[in-house]
Amino acid sequence: MRKIKYIVVHHTASGEETTLEDVSLWHKARGFSRVSGTNAGYHYLIEASPKPTIRLGRSPDRTGAHARGFNSGSIGCAIVGSFEDGSVPSPEQYRLAVQLVADLSRQHPEAAIKGHSELGSTQCPGIDMVAFRQAVQECLQCHR
């Protein structure tokens, strides 16, 4: 099992109709290798429509391709949508993202939760990471 130091939150900077298959095509075009049946560099993708759903991309036991310089020790979770303009994920997407990251935090208690922008020069994920981490902590407290 890989040593996980970071759980990295992303957004896809795309429309809410984006699917894991779309992301896999985009990442294939960027030269990402096919792993676990997908070229997606993210381990998890929270789709928006038709119903918010968590999809498994790259297997978490494989190195991702989502945060240059941090991939070998991280798990990448992306929320479908573009949130750099003040937009926010749907309440259901946000809830699923919080639950997913809380579950991953339980599995990797020493891993820090980071937004992509906290590890590189980007605006991704475009959400308030302080509030997101607080929501994850509340979720962890409620499910002890």
Protein backbone atom coordinates (compact mmCIF):
# COMPACT_ATOMS: atom_id res chain seq x y z
CA MET A 1 0.00 0.00 0.00
CA ARG A 2 1.23 3.48 -0.84
CA LYS A 3 2.02 5.89 1.99
CA ILE A 4 -0.57 8.68 1.64
CA LYS A 5 0.56 12.10 2.85
CA TYR A 6 -2.15 14.19 1.17
CA ILE A 7 -5.77 13.96 0.15
CA VAL A 8 -6.02 16.54 -2.62
CA VAL A 9 -9.31 18.21 -3.57
CA HIS A 10 -9.81 19.41 -7.15
CA HIS A 11 -12.51 20.64 -9.46
CA THR A 12 -12.71 19.75 -13.13
CA ALA A 13 -13.11 23.34 -14.38
CA SER A 14 -15.85 22.04 -16.66
CA GLY A 15 -19.62 21.91 -16.99
CA GLU A 16 -21.75 19.88 -14.64
CA GLU A 17 -22.49 17.30 -17.36
CA THR A 18 -18.84 16.12 -17.30
CA THR A 19 -18.36 12.40 -16.65
CA LEU A 20 -15.45 10.21 -15.64
CA GLU A 21 -15.28 9.08 -19.26
CA ASP A 22 -14.85 12.72 -20.39
CA VAL A 23 -12.07 13.31 -17.86
CA SER A 24 -10.37 10.10 -18.98
CA LEU A 25 -10.40 11.32 -22.60
CA TRP A 26 -8.98 14.72 -21.62
CA HIS A 27 -6.25 13.15 -19.52
CA LYS A 28 -5.44 10.64 -22.29
CA ALA A 29 -4.95 13.60 -24.66
CA ARG A 30 -2.50 15.05 -22.11
CA GLY A 31 -0.54 11.79 -22.15
CA PHE A 32 -1.70 10.25 -18.87
CA SER A 33 -1.26 6.48 -18.92
CA ARG A 34 -4.14 4.05 -18.78
CA VAL A 35 -4.41 2.72 -15.23
CA SER A 36 -7.28 0.78 -13.64
CA GLY A 37 -9.29 0.94 -16.86
CA THR A 38 -9.10 4.74 -17.14
CA ASN A 39 -6.70 7.49 -18.12
CA ALA A 40 -8.19 9.77 -15.46
CA GLY A 41 -5.50 11.08 -13.14
CA TYR A 42 -7.96 11.45 -10.26
CA HIS A 43 -8.72 8.56 -7.95
CA TYR A 44 -12.28 9.74 -7.35
CA LEU A 45 -14.67 11.98 -9.26
CA ILE A 46 -17.89 13.41 -7.83
CA GLU A 47 -20.13 13.79 -10.86
CA ALA A 48 -22.93 16.36 -10.86
CA SER A 49 -25.60 15.05 -13.18
CA PRO A 50 -27.97 13.52 -13.65
CA LYS A 51 -27.55 12.68 -9.94
CA PRO A 52 -24.44 13.47 -7.89
CA THR A 53 -22.40 10.28 -7.69
CA ILE A 54 -18.91 9.28 -6.57
CA ARG A 55 -17.07 7.42 -9.33
CA LEU A 56 -13.82 5.50 -8.92
CA GLY A 57 -11.20 6.64 -11.39
CA ARG A 58 -7.66 5.47 -10.85
CA SER A 59 -7.34 2.80 -8.18
CA PRO A 60 -6.17 4.39 -4.90
CA ASP A 61 -3.33 1.88 -4.70
CA ARG A 62 -1.88 3.38 -7.91
CA THR A 63 -0.08 6.70 -8.23
CA GLY A 64 -2.37 9.40 -9.56
CA ALA A 65 -1.73 12.18 -12.08
CA HIS A 66 -3.41 15.20 -10.51
CA ALA A 67 -0.92 17.29 -8.49
CA ARG A 68 2.55 17.58 -10.00
CA GLY A 69 5.23 16.79 -7.44
CA PHE A 70 2.75 15.25 -5.00
CA ASN A 71 1.23 12.36 -6.95
CA SER A 72 3.22 9.52 -5.43
CA GLY A 73 1.98 10.26 -1.90
CA SER A 74 -1.54 11.50 -2.51
CA ILE A 75 -5.08 10.60 -3.44
CA GLY A 76 -6.87 12.97 -5.83
CA CYS A 77 -10.59 13.72 -5.46
CA ALA A 78 -12.25 15.96 -8.04
CA ILE A 79 -15.64 17.62 -7.93
CA VAL A 80 -17.20 18.11 -11.35
CA GLY A 81 -17.78 21.79 -12.06
CA SER A 82 -16.00 25.11 -12.25
CA PHE A 83 -15.85 27.03 -8.98
CA GLU A 84 -13.28 29.76 -9.61
CA ASP A 85 -15.94 32.44 -10.26
CA GLY A 86 -17.69 32.11 -6.91
CA SER A 87 -19.89 29.23 -8.05
CA VAL A 88 -20.16 26.33 -5.62
CA PRO A 89 -20.85 22.61 -5.94
CA SER A 90 -24.44 21.52 -5.43
CA PRO A 91 -25.26 20.73 -1.80
CA GLU A 92 -25.37 17.01 -2.67
CA GLN A 93 -22.00 17.11 -4.45
CA TYR A 94 -20.47 18.98 -1.52
CA ARG A 95 -21.93 16.47 0.97
CA LEU A 96 -20.56 13.56 -1.06
CA ALA A 97 -17.13 15.22 -1.29
CA VAL A 98 -17.06 15.80 2.47
CA GLN A 99 -18.09 12.19 3.15
CA LEU A 100 -15.54 10.83 0.68
CA VAL A 101 -12.69 12.86 2.14
CA ALA A 102 -13.78 11.94 5.69
CA ASP A 103 -13.74 8.25 4.73
CA LEU A 104 -10.29 8.65 3.18
CA SER A 105 -9.13 10.49 6.31
CA ARG A 106 -10.23 7.55 8.43
CA GLN A 107 -8.18 5.23 6.20
CA HIS A 108 -5.18 7.59 6.15
CA PRO A 109 -5.34 9.51 9.47
CA GLU A 110 -1.95 11.14 8.98
CA ALA A 111 -2.81 12.55 5.54
CA ALA A 112 -3.33 16.30 5.28
CA ILE A 113 -6.38 17.53 3.36
CA LYS A 114 -5.27 20.06 0.76
CA GLY A 115 -6.83 21.96 -2.09
CA HIS A 116 -4.84 21.68 -5.31
CA SER A 117 -4.04 25.40 -5.05
CA GLU A 118 -2.29 24.76 -1.73
CA LEU A 119 0.22 22.53 -3.54
CA GLY A 120 0.70 24.38 -6.81
CA SER A 121 0.06 27.49 -8.82
CA THR A 122 -3.63 27.10 -9.66
CA GLN A 123 -7.04 28.34 -8.53
CA CYS A 124 -8.28 24.76 -8.25
CA PRO A 125 -10.50 23.70 -6.51
CA GLY A 126 -12.07 27.15 -6.20
CA ILE A 127 -13.88 26.30 -2.97
CA ASP A 128 -13.17 27.52 0.55
CA MET A 129 -10.79 24.85 1.84
CA VAL A 130 -10.93 26.09 5.44
CA ALA A 131 -14.70 25.56 5.47
CA PHE A 132 -14.32 22.25 3.62
CA ARG A 133 -11.80 20.90 6.13
CA GLN A 134 -14.10 22.03 8.96
CA ALA A 135 -17.00 20.14 7.37
CA VAL A 136 -14.80 17.04 7.08
CA GLN A 137 -13.85 17.32 10.77
CA GLU A 138 -17.52 17.65 11.73
CA CYS A 139 -18.32 14.57 9.65
CA LEU A 140 -15.54 12.64 11.37
CA GLN A 141 -16.86 13.68 14.80
CA CYS A 142 -20.42 12.65 13.99
CA HIS A 143 -19.42 9.20 12.77
CA ARG A 144 -17.14 8.06 15.57
